N, C-alpha and C. Protein backbone atom coordinates (compact mmCIF):
# COMPACT_ATOMS: atom_id res chain seq x y z
N MET A 1 106.16 25.87 -90.96
CA MET A 1 107.41 25.15 -91.21
C MET A 1 108.31 25.39 -92.74
N SER A 2 109.14 26.05 -92.47
CA SER A 2 109.70 26.31 -93.71
C SER A 2 110.59 24.82 -94.00
N GLU A 3 110.68 24.30 -95.79
CA GLU A 3 111.30 23.04 -96.01
C GLU A 3 112.27 23.89 -97.04
N LYS A 4 113.59 22.93 -96.89
CA LYS A 4 114.63 24.10 -97.97
C LYS A 4 115.03 23.18 -99.16
N ALA A 5 115.45 23.36 -100.26
CA ALA A 5 116.10 23.11 -101.40
C ALA A 5 117.42 23.63 -101.94
N LEU A 6 118.41 22.92 -102.12
CA LEU A 6 119.56 23.38 -102.75
C LEU A 6 119.77 23.34 -103.86
N ILE A 7 120.02 24.29 -104.73
CA ILE A 7 119.95 23.54 -106.66
C ILE A 7 120.99 24.25 -107.29
N ILE A 8 122.55 22.91 -107.36
CA ILE A 8 123.86 23.23 -107.83
C ILE A 8 123.12 23.63 -109.01
N VAL A 9 123.89 24.86 -109.81
CA VAL A 9 123.66 25.08 -110.84
C VAL A 9 124.86 24.95 -112.18
N ASP A 10 125.00 23.80 -112.79
CA ASP A 10 125.77 23.69 -114.16
C ASP A 10 127.61 23.58 -113.82
N VAL A 11 127.40 23.19 -112.40
CA VAL A 11 128.71 22.94 -111.83
C VAL A 11 129.64 22.06 -112.67
N GLN A 12 130.40 21.96 -114.15
CA GLN A 12 130.66 21.05 -114.94
C GLN A 12 132.01 21.43 -115.51
N PRO A 13 132.65 20.81 -115.48
CA PRO A 13 134.13 21.40 -116.04
C PRO A 13 133.98 21.75 -117.36
N THR A 14 132.92 22.07 -118.39
CA THR A 14 132.92 23.13 -119.33
C THR A 14 133.06 24.40 -119.13
N PHE A 15 132.38 24.99 -118.00
CA PHE A 15 132.12 25.61 -116.98
C PHE A 15 133.64 26.40 -116.25
N CYS A 16 134.52 25.66 -116.09
CA CYS A 16 135.77 25.88 -115.84
C CYS A 16 136.53 26.09 -115.76
N GLU A 17 138.23 26.75 -115.72
CA GLU A 17 139.55 26.67 -115.83
C GLU A 17 139.35 25.24 -116.92
N GLY A 18 139.72 25.79 -118.10
CA GLY A 18 140.30 24.80 -118.60
C GLY A 18 139.24 24.00 -119.85
N GLY A 19 138.06 24.45 -119.39
CA GLY A 19 136.59 24.15 -120.13
C GLY A 19 136.12 24.91 -121.09
N GLU A 20 135.15 24.39 -122.23
CA GLU A 20 135.09 25.44 -123.32
C GLU A 20 134.43 26.58 -123.30
N LEU A 21 133.64 27.23 -122.20
CA LEU A 21 133.15 28.13 -121.74
C LEU A 21 133.48 28.42 -120.02
N GLY A 22 135.04 28.16 -120.21
CA GLY A 22 135.84 28.01 -118.71
C GLY A 22 135.42 29.80 -118.06
N VAL A 23 134.90 29.40 -116.62
CA VAL A 23 135.30 31.03 -116.00
C VAL A 23 135.97 30.96 -114.56
N ASP A 24 136.77 31.89 -115.10
CA ASP A 24 138.02 32.38 -113.68
C ASP A 24 137.43 31.86 -112.41
N GLY A 25 138.19 30.98 -111.05
CA GLY A 25 137.33 30.55 -110.27
C GLY A 25 136.22 29.30 -110.16
N GLY A 26 136.40 28.68 -111.20
CA GLY A 26 135.06 28.01 -111.29
C GLY A 26 135.36 26.65 -110.41
N ASN A 27 136.38 26.07 -110.55
CA ASN A 27 137.06 25.04 -109.93
C ASN A 27 137.07 25.75 -108.24
N ASP A 28 137.43 26.38 -107.93
CA ASP A 28 137.38 26.72 -106.54
C ASP A 28 136.17 26.82 -105.51
N VAL A 29 135.18 27.64 -107.04
CA VAL A 29 133.56 27.24 -106.29
C VAL A 29 133.24 25.62 -106.70
N ALA A 30 133.13 24.88 -107.17
CA ALA A 30 132.93 23.53 -107.77
C ALA A 30 133.86 22.98 -105.59
N ALA A 31 134.79 23.24 -105.58
CA ALA A 31 135.15 22.58 -104.21
C ALA A 31 134.48 23.47 -103.24
N ARG A 32 134.23 24.88 -102.76
CA ARG A 32 133.81 25.36 -101.63
C ARG A 32 131.90 24.93 -101.50
N ILE A 33 131.43 24.68 -102.92
CA ILE A 33 129.71 23.78 -103.12
C ILE A 33 130.51 22.49 -102.04
N ALA A 34 130.88 21.90 -102.86
CA ALA A 34 131.02 20.34 -102.09
C ALA A 34 131.34 20.68 -101.05
N ALA A 35 131.96 21.12 -100.25
CA ALA A 35 132.50 21.00 -98.68
C ALA A 35 131.28 21.87 -97.72
N TYR A 36 130.69 22.72 -98.72
CA TYR A 36 129.36 23.27 -97.74
C TYR A 36 128.20 22.05 -97.89
N VAL A 37 128.16 21.53 -99.19
CA VAL A 37 127.27 20.13 -99.15
C VAL A 37 127.27 19.20 -98.31
N THR A 38 128.76 19.05 -97.89
CA THR A 38 129.08 18.15 -96.60
C THR A 38 128.95 18.20 -95.12
N ALA A 39 128.89 19.95 -95.28
CA ALA A 39 128.42 20.21 -93.85
C ALA A 39 126.92 20.53 -93.53
N HIS A 40 126.25 20.94 -94.73
CA HIS A 40 124.88 21.46 -94.40
C HIS A 40 124.02 20.22 -95.08
N ARG A 41 124.14 19.23 -95.20
CA ARG A 41 122.88 18.77 -95.84
C ARG A 41 122.09 18.04 -95.09
N GLY A 42 122.03 18.24 -94.06
CA GLY A 42 121.16 17.69 -93.22
C GLY A 42 119.90 18.80 -93.25
N ASP A 43 120.52 20.45 -93.61
CA ASP A 43 119.55 21.51 -93.52
C ASP A 43 118.91 21.57 -94.79
N TYR A 44 118.55 20.06 -95.91
CA TYR A 44 117.89 20.51 -96.79
C TYR A 44 117.27 19.12 -97.02
N ALA A 45 115.64 19.75 -97.12
CA ALA A 45 114.78 18.24 -97.72
C ALA A 45 115.13 18.20 -99.09
N TYR A 46 115.41 18.49 -99.98
CA TYR A 46 115.54 18.66 -101.92
C TYR A 46 117.02 18.96 -101.70
N ILE A 47 117.78 18.34 -102.65
CA ILE A 47 119.25 18.87 -103.11
C ILE A 47 119.57 18.30 -104.69
N ALA A 48 119.71 19.21 -105.63
CA ALA A 48 119.38 18.77 -107.54
C ALA A 48 120.69 19.52 -107.66
N THR A 49 120.92 18.84 -108.62
CA THR A 49 121.91 19.51 -109.47
C THR A 49 121.17 19.82 -110.87
N THR A 50 121.84 20.85 -111.84
CA THR A 50 121.29 20.41 -113.11
C THR A 50 122.94 21.09 -113.89
N GLN A 51 122.65 20.19 -115.32
CA GLN A 51 123.72 20.56 -116.51
C GLN A 51 122.76 20.79 -117.78
N ASP A 52 124.33 21.88 -118.36
CA ASP A 52 123.72 21.67 -119.64
C ASP A 52 123.82 20.63 -120.80
N TRP A 53 123.16 20.11 -121.28
CA TRP A 53 123.46 18.85 -122.04
C TRP A 53 123.17 18.70 -123.12
N HIS A 54 123.58 19.65 -123.92
CA HIS A 54 123.69 19.85 -125.43
C HIS A 54 123.50 18.78 -126.16
N ILE A 55 122.66 18.50 -127.29
CA ILE A 55 122.54 17.42 -128.00
C ILE A 55 122.77 17.90 -129.65
N VAL A 56 121.43 18.30 -129.62
CA VAL A 56 121.78 19.46 -131.30
C VAL A 56 120.96 20.56 -130.88
N PRO A 57 121.78 21.76 -130.15
CA PRO A 57 120.80 22.81 -129.46
C PRO A 57 120.65 24.31 -130.57
N GLY A 58 120.77 23.67 -132.24
CA GLY A 58 120.43 24.39 -132.94
C GLY A 58 121.07 25.57 -132.51
N SER A 59 120.21 27.33 -132.95
CA SER A 59 121.58 28.18 -133.04
C SER A 59 122.23 28.60 -131.51
N HIS A 60 121.94 27.41 -130.21
CA HIS A 60 122.63 27.99 -129.37
C HIS A 60 124.34 28.28 -129.77
N PHE A 61 124.46 27.05 -130.33
CA PHE A 61 125.72 27.20 -130.95
C PHE A 61 126.02 27.92 -132.15
N SER A 62 127.59 28.17 -132.44
CA SER A 62 127.98 29.29 -133.70
C SER A 62 129.53 29.23 -133.56
N ALA A 63 129.50 29.18 -134.83
CA ALA A 63 131.23 29.31 -135.48
C ALA A 63 131.87 30.68 -134.88
N GLU A 64 130.75 31.69 -134.91
CA GLU A 64 131.15 32.95 -134.66
C GLU A 64 130.14 33.40 -133.67
N PRO A 65 130.20 32.79 -132.65
CA PRO A 65 129.01 33.35 -131.73
C PRO A 65 129.56 34.96 -130.71
N ASP A 66 128.09 35.58 -130.52
CA ASP A 66 128.48 36.90 -129.87
C ASP A 66 127.94 36.61 -128.46
N PHE A 67 128.33 35.84 -127.59
CA PHE A 67 128.38 35.31 -126.80
C PHE A 67 127.43 35.77 -125.81
N VAL A 68 126.25 36.17 -126.45
CA VAL A 68 124.70 37.14 -126.00
C VAL A 68 123.75 36.02 -125.82
N ASP A 69 124.09 35.32 -126.99
CA ASP A 69 122.44 34.62 -127.59
C ASP A 69 123.24 33.39 -128.48
N THR A 70 124.32 33.46 -128.68
CA THR A 70 125.11 32.60 -129.15
C THR A 70 126.25 32.23 -128.45
N TRP A 71 126.94 30.79 -128.78
CA TRP A 71 127.78 30.33 -128.16
C TRP A 71 128.68 29.35 -128.67
N PRO A 72 130.38 29.21 -128.55
CA PRO A 72 130.53 28.27 -128.74
C PRO A 72 130.50 26.76 -127.98
N GLU A 73 130.33 25.86 -128.50
CA GLU A 73 130.10 23.94 -128.52
C GLU A 73 130.74 23.90 -127.01
N HIS A 74 129.70 23.74 -126.13
CA HIS A 74 130.18 23.81 -124.56
C HIS A 74 128.67 22.55 -124.06
N GLY A 75 129.14 22.19 -122.54
CA GLY A 75 127.84 21.16 -122.18
C GLY A 75 127.73 20.00 -122.77
N VAL A 76 128.57 19.66 -123.98
CA VAL A 76 128.18 18.30 -125.14
C VAL A 76 127.67 17.19 -124.17
N ALA A 77 126.78 16.60 -124.49
CA ALA A 77 126.30 15.28 -123.71
C ALA A 77 127.37 14.13 -124.20
N GLY A 78 126.96 13.61 -123.52
CA GLY A 78 128.02 12.54 -123.50
C GLY A 78 129.22 12.59 -123.14
N THR A 79 130.50 14.13 -123.13
CA THR A 79 131.66 14.31 -123.24
C THR A 79 131.77 14.30 -121.80
N VAL A 80 132.97 14.06 -121.48
CA VAL A 80 133.29 14.24 -119.94
C VAL A 80 133.06 16.02 -119.37
N ASN A 81 133.78 16.78 -120.26
CA ASN A 81 133.19 18.15 -119.92
C ASN A 81 131.78 18.47 -119.55
N ALA A 82 130.96 17.86 -119.87
CA ALA A 82 129.59 18.07 -119.86
C ALA A 82 129.38 16.91 -118.49
N ASN A 83 129.73 16.12 -118.10
CA ASN A 83 128.97 15.30 -116.50
C ASN A 83 129.67 16.75 -115.45
N LEU A 84 129.04 16.23 -114.08
CA LEU A 84 129.29 17.31 -113.38
C LEU A 84 130.37 16.86 -112.94
N HIS A 85 131.34 18.13 -112.05
CA HIS A 85 132.61 18.53 -112.01
C HIS A 85 132.78 16.98 -110.97
N PRO A 86 134.07 16.63 -110.88
CA PRO A 86 134.27 15.71 -110.00
C PRO A 86 133.51 15.65 -108.40
N ALA A 87 134.05 17.12 -107.98
CA ALA A 87 133.63 17.12 -106.31
C ALA A 87 132.89 17.49 -106.20
N ILE A 88 131.76 17.46 -107.07
CA ILE A 88 130.57 17.48 -106.87
C ILE A 88 129.74 16.48 -107.48
N ASN A 89 130.60 15.34 -108.58
CA ASN A 89 129.72 13.97 -108.64
C ASN A 89 130.29 12.99 -107.67
N ALA A 90 131.13 13.47 -106.74
CA ALA A 90 131.61 12.91 -105.31
C ALA A 90 130.44 13.30 -103.81
N LEU A 91 129.56 13.65 -104.36
CA LEU A 91 128.78 13.56 -103.08
C LEU A 91 127.34 12.86 -103.20
N GLY A 92 127.39 12.28 -104.67
CA GLY A 92 126.20 11.19 -104.45
C GLY A 92 124.41 11.70 -104.50
N ILE A 93 124.79 12.89 -105.14
CA ILE A 93 123.61 13.73 -104.70
C ILE A 93 122.56 12.74 -105.94
N GLU A 94 121.30 12.65 -105.48
CA GLU A 94 120.00 11.84 -106.06
C GLU A 94 119.54 12.13 -107.46
N HIS A 95 119.08 13.82 -107.63
CA HIS A 95 118.58 14.28 -108.32
C HIS A 95 119.33 15.35 -109.26
N HIS A 96 119.14 15.06 -110.67
CA HIS A 96 119.94 15.68 -111.66
C HIS A 96 119.04 15.97 -112.45
N PHE A 97 119.02 17.72 -113.19
CA PHE A 97 117.91 17.82 -114.44
C PHE A 97 118.55 18.52 -115.10
N LYS A 98 118.67 18.26 -116.50
CA LYS A 98 119.20 18.12 -118.10
C LYS A 98 118.44 19.16 -118.66
N LYS A 99 119.54 19.93 -119.29
CA LYS A 99 118.87 20.81 -119.94
C LYS A 99 119.72 21.40 -121.62
N GLY A 100 118.53 22.14 -122.13
CA GLY A 100 119.11 22.40 -123.43
C GLY A 100 119.32 21.65 -124.55
N GLN A 101 119.07 20.23 -124.41
CA GLN A 101 119.09 19.24 -124.90
C GLN A 101 119.31 19.37 -126.56
N TYR A 102 118.05 19.93 -126.76
CA TYR A 102 117.70 20.36 -128.45
C TYR A 102 116.85 22.51 -128.30
N SER A 103 117.83 23.21 -127.87
CA SER A 103 117.22 24.61 -127.82
C SER A 103 118.19 24.90 -126.70
N ALA A 104 118.52 26.17 -126.74
CA ALA A 104 119.26 27.24 -125.76
C ALA A 104 117.88 26.49 -124.90
N ALA A 105 119.30 26.86 -123.13
CA ALA A 105 118.06 27.19 -122.00
C ALA A 105 119.20 26.98 -121.12
N TYR A 106 118.86 28.37 -119.88
CA TYR A 106 119.74 28.96 -118.77
C TYR A 106 118.90 28.63 -117.50
N SER A 107 117.68 28.44 -117.28
CA SER A 107 117.12 28.14 -115.85
C SER A 107 117.47 27.14 -115.44
N GLY A 108 117.17 25.97 -114.55
CA GLY A 108 117.55 24.53 -114.26
C GLY A 108 115.71 24.73 -114.55
N PHE A 109 115.15 25.30 -114.44
CA PHE A 109 113.84 25.12 -114.30
C PHE A 109 113.30 24.92 -115.57
N GLU A 110 114.15 24.92 -116.48
CA GLU A 110 113.82 24.50 -118.07
C GLU A 110 113.98 22.97 -118.46
N GLY A 111 114.79 22.54 -117.08
CA GLY A 111 115.24 20.89 -117.75
C GLY A 111 114.22 19.96 -117.04
N ILE A 112 114.76 18.25 -117.52
CA ILE A 112 113.90 17.43 -117.19
C ILE A 112 114.74 16.29 -116.14
N GLU A 113 114.57 16.03 -115.11
CA GLU A 113 115.24 15.00 -114.06
C GLU A 113 115.65 13.86 -115.17
N ASP A 114 117.03 13.81 -115.12
CA ASP A 114 117.58 12.62 -116.18
C ASP A 114 118.25 12.46 -115.18
N ASN A 115 118.33 10.63 -114.38
CA ASN A 115 119.73 10.58 -113.57
C ASN A 115 120.60 9.43 -114.18
N SER A 116 120.47 9.84 -115.99
CA SER A 116 121.75 8.97 -116.41
C SER A 116 122.49 9.68 -117.43
N ASP A 117 123.60 8.83 -118.07
CA ASP A 117 124.63 9.78 -118.62
C ASP A 117 123.68 9.44 -120.54
N ARG A 118 122.54 9.21 -120.45
CA ARG A 118 121.79 8.95 -121.75
C ARG A 118 121.93 9.95 -123.12
N GLN A 119 121.86 10.20 -124.15
CA GLN A 119 121.81 11.45 -125.00
C GLN A 119 120.17 11.24 -125.87
N GLN A 120 118.86 11.75 -124.63
CA GLN A 120 117.59 11.37 -125.25
C GLN A 120 117.57 11.56 -125.99
N SER A 121 116.75 11.09 -127.13
CA SER A 121 115.38 11.96 -128.35
C SER A 121 114.90 13.17 -127.59
N ARG A 122 114.56 13.53 -129.23
CA ARG A 122 113.39 14.62 -128.42
C ARG A 122 112.37 14.03 -128.42
N ALA A 123 111.96 13.35 -128.89
CA ALA A 123 110.39 12.50 -128.34
C ALA A 123 110.52 12.41 -126.99
N GLU A 124 111.64 11.96 -126.13
CA GLU A 124 111.96 11.18 -125.19
C GLU A 124 112.01 12.48 -123.99
N VAL A 125 112.53 13.73 -124.50
CA VAL A 125 112.17 14.66 -124.20
C VAL A 125 111.73 15.81 -124.04
N ARG A 126 110.51 15.66 -124.55
CA ARG A 126 109.18 16.41 -125.29
C ARG A 126 108.10 15.39 -124.05
N ILE A 127 108.45 13.98 -123.91
CA ILE A 127 107.71 13.76 -123.30
C ILE A 127 108.16 13.40 -121.85
N ALA A 128 109.34 13.71 -121.20
CA ALA A 128 109.41 13.74 -120.16
C ALA A 128 109.04 15.43 -119.67
N THR A 129 109.03 16.43 -120.40
CA THR A 129 108.40 17.65 -119.91
C THR A 129 107.43 17.25 -119.99
N GLU A 130 106.50 16.73 -120.63
CA GLU A 130 104.71 16.46 -120.71
C GLU A 130 104.38 16.35 -119.40
N GLU A 131 105.33 14.76 -119.09
CA GLU A 131 105.16 13.70 -118.22
C GLU A 131 104.87 14.82 -116.95
N GLY A 132 105.64 15.99 -116.93
CA GLY A 132 105.86 16.84 -115.41
C GLY A 132 107.13 16.26 -115.02
N HIS A 133 107.82 16.05 -115.50
CA HIS A 133 109.31 15.26 -114.73
C HIS A 133 110.71 16.68 -114.78
N THR A 134 110.17 17.93 -114.30
CA THR A 134 110.40 19.09 -114.24
C THR A 134 110.71 19.30 -112.50
N LEU A 135 111.81 20.07 -112.84
CA LEU A 135 112.48 20.89 -111.33
C LEU A 135 111.10 21.25 -110.45
N ALA A 136 110.18 22.31 -111.38
CA ALA A 136 109.56 22.92 -110.38
C ALA A 136 107.90 21.96 -109.48
N ASN A 137 107.88 20.69 -110.69
CA ASN A 137 106.99 19.63 -109.91
C ASN A 137 108.05 19.09 -109.08
N ALA A 138 109.65 18.70 -108.99
CA ALA A 138 109.95 18.28 -107.75
C ALA A 138 110.02 18.82 -106.75
N LEU A 139 110.29 20.53 -106.78
CA LEU A 139 110.37 21.17 -105.72
C LEU A 139 108.77 21.19 -105.16
N LYS A 140 108.25 20.70 -105.70
CA LYS A 140 106.76 20.91 -104.88
C LYS A 140 105.81 19.76 -104.21
N ALA A 141 106.52 18.68 -105.17
CA ALA A 141 106.12 17.69 -104.41
C ALA A 141 107.13 17.30 -102.96
N ALA A 142 108.17 17.68 -102.93
CA ALA A 142 108.40 17.56 -101.50
C ALA A 142 108.20 18.65 -100.80
N GLY A 143 107.68 19.40 -101.00
CA GLY A 143 107.09 20.52 -100.23
C GLY A 143 107.83 21.25 -99.73
N ILE A 144 108.78 21.89 -100.97
CA ILE A 144 109.91 22.84 -100.91
C ILE A 144 108.90 24.58 -100.34
N THR A 145 109.64 25.21 -99.62
CA THR A 145 109.11 26.94 -99.20
C THR A 145 110.25 27.23 -99.73
N ASP A 146 111.58 27.25 -99.34
CA ASP A 146 112.66 28.16 -99.50
C ASP A 146 113.97 27.43 -100.33
N VAL A 147 114.30 27.87 -101.30
CA VAL A 147 115.69 27.40 -102.36
C VAL A 147 116.39 28.52 -102.74
N ASP A 148 117.70 27.48 -102.21
CA ASP A 148 119.03 28.05 -101.80
C ASP A 148 119.50 27.69 -103.74
N VAL A 149 120.64 28.95 -104.10
CA VAL A 149 120.61 28.42 -105.23
C VAL A 149 122.29 28.67 -105.74
N VAL A 150 123.27 27.83 -105.85
CA VAL A 150 124.50 28.31 -106.13
C VAL A 150 125.17 27.63 -107.65
N GLY A 151 126.19 28.27 -107.83
CA GLY A 151 126.90 27.14 -109.36
C GLY A 151 127.24 28.46 -109.61
N ILE A 152 127.78 27.82 -111.19
CA ILE A 152 128.18 28.60 -112.72
C ILE A 152 127.29 29.14 -113.60
N ALA A 153 126.97 30.02 -114.25
CA ALA A 153 127.60 31.12 -113.86
C ALA A 153 126.72 32.11 -113.20
N GLU A 154 126.84 32.69 -112.42
CA GLU A 154 125.88 33.80 -111.57
C GLU A 154 125.83 34.52 -112.28
N SER A 155 126.16 34.96 -113.54
CA SER A 155 125.85 35.93 -114.20
C SER A 155 124.69 35.51 -115.33
N HIS A 156 124.79 34.21 -115.36
CA HIS A 156 124.05 33.45 -116.66
C HIS A 156 122.73 32.42 -115.98
N CYS A 157 123.48 31.10 -115.85
CA CYS A 157 122.29 30.09 -115.05
C CYS A 157 122.32 30.21 -113.93
N VAL A 158 122.75 30.85 -113.66
CA VAL A 158 122.21 30.87 -111.53
C VAL A 158 121.20 32.10 -110.94
N LYS A 159 121.80 33.23 -112.36
CA LYS A 159 120.67 34.23 -112.09
C LYS A 159 119.23 33.98 -112.59
N GLU A 160 119.31 32.86 -114.12
CA GLU A 160 117.99 33.16 -113.89
C GLU A 160 117.38 31.68 -113.92
N THR A 161 118.26 30.42 -113.34
CA THR A 161 117.62 29.93 -111.88
C THR A 161 116.84 30.41 -111.01
N ALA A 162 117.43 31.08 -110.58
CA ALA A 162 116.81 32.17 -108.96
C ALA A 162 115.73 32.88 -109.43
N LEU A 163 116.08 33.36 -110.78
CA LEU A 163 114.55 34.33 -111.08
C LEU A 163 113.36 33.53 -110.81
N ASP A 164 113.71 32.43 -111.62
CA ASP A 164 112.55 31.44 -111.79
C ASP A 164 111.80 30.93 -110.34
N ALA A 165 112.99 30.54 -109.63
CA ALA A 165 112.65 30.41 -108.60
C ALA A 165 111.44 31.34 -107.56
N VAL A 166 111.64 32.75 -108.08
CA VAL A 166 111.01 33.45 -107.16
C VAL A 166 109.51 33.48 -107.79
N LYS A 167 109.79 33.43 -109.42
CA LYS A 167 108.49 33.57 -109.87
C LYS A 167 107.50 32.70 -109.85
N LEU A 168 107.81 31.20 -109.19
CA LEU A 168 107.15 30.71 -108.43
C LEU A 168 106.98 29.93 -106.98
N GLY A 169 107.47 31.66 -106.29
CA GLY A 169 107.09 31.84 -104.90
C GLY A 169 107.66 31.05 -104.32
N TYR A 170 109.17 30.88 -104.74
CA TYR A 170 109.83 30.50 -103.61
C TYR A 170 110.66 31.72 -102.79
N HIS A 171 110.69 31.84 -101.09
CA HIS A 171 111.90 32.40 -100.75
C HIS A 171 113.66 31.82 -101.71
N THR A 172 113.93 32.58 -102.15
CA THR A 172 115.14 32.10 -103.17
C THR A 172 116.71 33.48 -102.56
N ARG A 173 117.40 32.20 -102.54
CA ARG A 173 118.49 32.97 -101.99
C ARG A 173 119.73 32.53 -103.01
N VAL A 174 120.71 33.63 -103.08
CA VAL A 174 121.79 32.60 -103.79
C VAL A 174 123.22 33.19 -103.03
N PHE A 175 123.78 32.34 -102.49
CA PHE A 175 124.80 32.40 -101.83
C PHE A 175 126.20 32.84 -102.89
N THR A 176 126.49 33.91 -102.33
CA THR A 176 127.69 34.93 -103.15
C THR A 176 128.66 34.44 -103.24
N ASP A 177 129.19 33.38 -101.86
CA ASP A 177 130.39 33.19 -101.67
C ASP A 177 130.56 31.63 -102.20
N LEU A 178 129.40 30.76 -103.00
CA LEU A 178 129.53 29.65 -103.62
C LEU A 178 128.69 29.94 -105.44
N THR A 179 129.34 31.20 -105.69
CA THR A 179 129.20 31.19 -106.98
C THR A 179 129.99 32.03 -107.51
N VAL A 180 130.14 32.11 -109.30
CA VAL A 180 131.26 33.52 -109.99
C VAL A 180 130.64 33.54 -110.99
N PRO A 181 130.94 35.06 -111.45
CA PRO A 181 130.16 35.02 -112.61
C PRO A 181 131.00 35.19 -114.19
N VAL A 182 130.48 35.59 -115.18
CA VAL A 182 131.44 35.92 -116.15
C VAL A 182 132.73 36.83 -115.73
N SER A 183 132.43 37.40 -115.70
CA SER A 183 133.24 38.54 -115.53
C SER A 183 132.49 40.06 -114.78
N PRO A 184 133.53 40.46 -113.90
CA PRO A 184 132.61 41.27 -112.83
C PRO A 184 131.74 42.40 -113.38
N GLU A 185 131.72 42.80 -114.96
CA GLU A 185 130.72 43.72 -114.54
C GLU A 185 129.12 43.32 -114.82
N LEU A 186 129.44 41.65 -115.51
CA LEU A 186 127.92 41.02 -115.98
C LEU A 186 127.78 40.46 -113.97
N GLY A 187 128.61 39.97 -113.80
CA GLY A 187 128.16 39.73 -112.48
C GLY A 187 127.33 40.83 -111.99
N GLU A 188 127.48 41.84 -111.99
CA GLU A 188 127.17 43.08 -111.10
C GLU A 188 125.65 43.34 -111.53
N ALA A 189 125.78 42.97 -113.16
CA ALA A 189 124.52 43.25 -113.71
C ALA A 189 123.61 42.51 -112.87
N ALA A 190 123.90 40.93 -112.85
CA ALA A 190 122.92 40.36 -112.47
C ALA A 190 122.68 40.34 -111.25
N ARG A 191 123.44 40.76 -110.23
CA ARG A 191 122.91 41.23 -109.17
C ARG A 191 121.94 41.90 -108.42
N LYS A 192 122.15 43.20 -109.59
CA LYS A 192 120.91 44.33 -109.71
C LYS A 192 119.60 43.68 -109.88
N GLU A 193 120.10 42.61 -110.79
CA GLU A 193 118.55 41.99 -111.50
C GLU A 193 117.81 41.40 -110.59
N MET A 194 118.69 40.49 -110.11
CA MET A 194 117.61 39.87 -108.99
C MET A 194 117.28 40.42 -107.85
N THR A 195 118.57 41.09 -107.07
CA THR A 195 118.16 42.07 -106.13
C THR A 195 116.35 42.87 -106.24
N ALA A 196 116.36 43.06 -107.73
CA ALA A 196 114.94 44.06 -108.01
C ALA A 196 113.96 43.03 -108.28
N ALA A 197 114.25 41.84 -108.27
CA ALA A 197 113.46 40.24 -108.70
C ALA A 197 112.98 40.09 -106.94
N GLY A 198 113.97 40.13 -106.03
CA GLY A 198 113.17 40.01 -104.36
C GLY A 198 114.02 38.82 -104.20
N VAL A 199 115.32 38.29 -104.90
CA VAL A 199 116.66 37.05 -104.70
C VAL A 199 117.08 37.89 -103.48
N ARG A 200 117.51 37.23 -102.18
CA ARG A 200 118.31 37.69 -101.42
C ARG A 200 119.56 37.15 -101.49
N LEU A 201 120.68 38.01 -101.42
CA LEU A 201 122.33 37.29 -101.98
C LEU A 201 123.05 37.78 -100.53
N GLU A 202 123.49 36.34 -100.22
CA GLU A 202 124.00 36.52 -98.95
C GLU A 202 125.46 35.48 -98.87
N PRO A 203 125.62 35.61 -98.01
CA PRO A 203 127.24 34.84 -97.82
C PRO A 203 126.75 33.46 -97.44
N SER A 204 127.04 32.50 -97.65
CA SER A 204 126.67 30.69 -97.26
C SER A 204 127.20 30.52 -95.37
N ALA A 205 128.04 31.36 -94.77
CA ALA A 205 127.78 31.81 -93.65
C ALA A 205 128.44 32.46 -92.95
């Protein structure tokens, strides 16, 4: 018998229109994800969000970003734009994974569960990781077999989260109508990479 999890990746104002790294269509995707969760919550044994929650992420931030390995400041812990998008926050989801506090992080599997809005110290992040407060362990504890991934951006953090889910042995889907890429070209490349790795790309309905 399958047990499904839904991972909502980085649906934050920082990645929506008007944010520091805003993606066209971000706000619409947030609204569609919220509607999907409202209609399908009962289908899932486990639902979690991920967030960029940068405190001092080192070279991930740059005044002269290349938009490949370095970026303008975004997802800064403690700012309004690093919070969950209001449409997602209103869902009352219990499990939240923060990532990238002190280094670059793209996959939700690099985060730690933190259901507060605190700015953790390096030691706190390290201890939480060592103690196993990770998405991988949470899915294992919940007996998950199948993972659905949605969020922003398809070409970056959604892709990396889905690829890691496949590597961990989960039957993994990305819902194509509940995500959006940074650009059409990067979206096409991401979809090819995910398909090659065994991620299923499907509409949510």
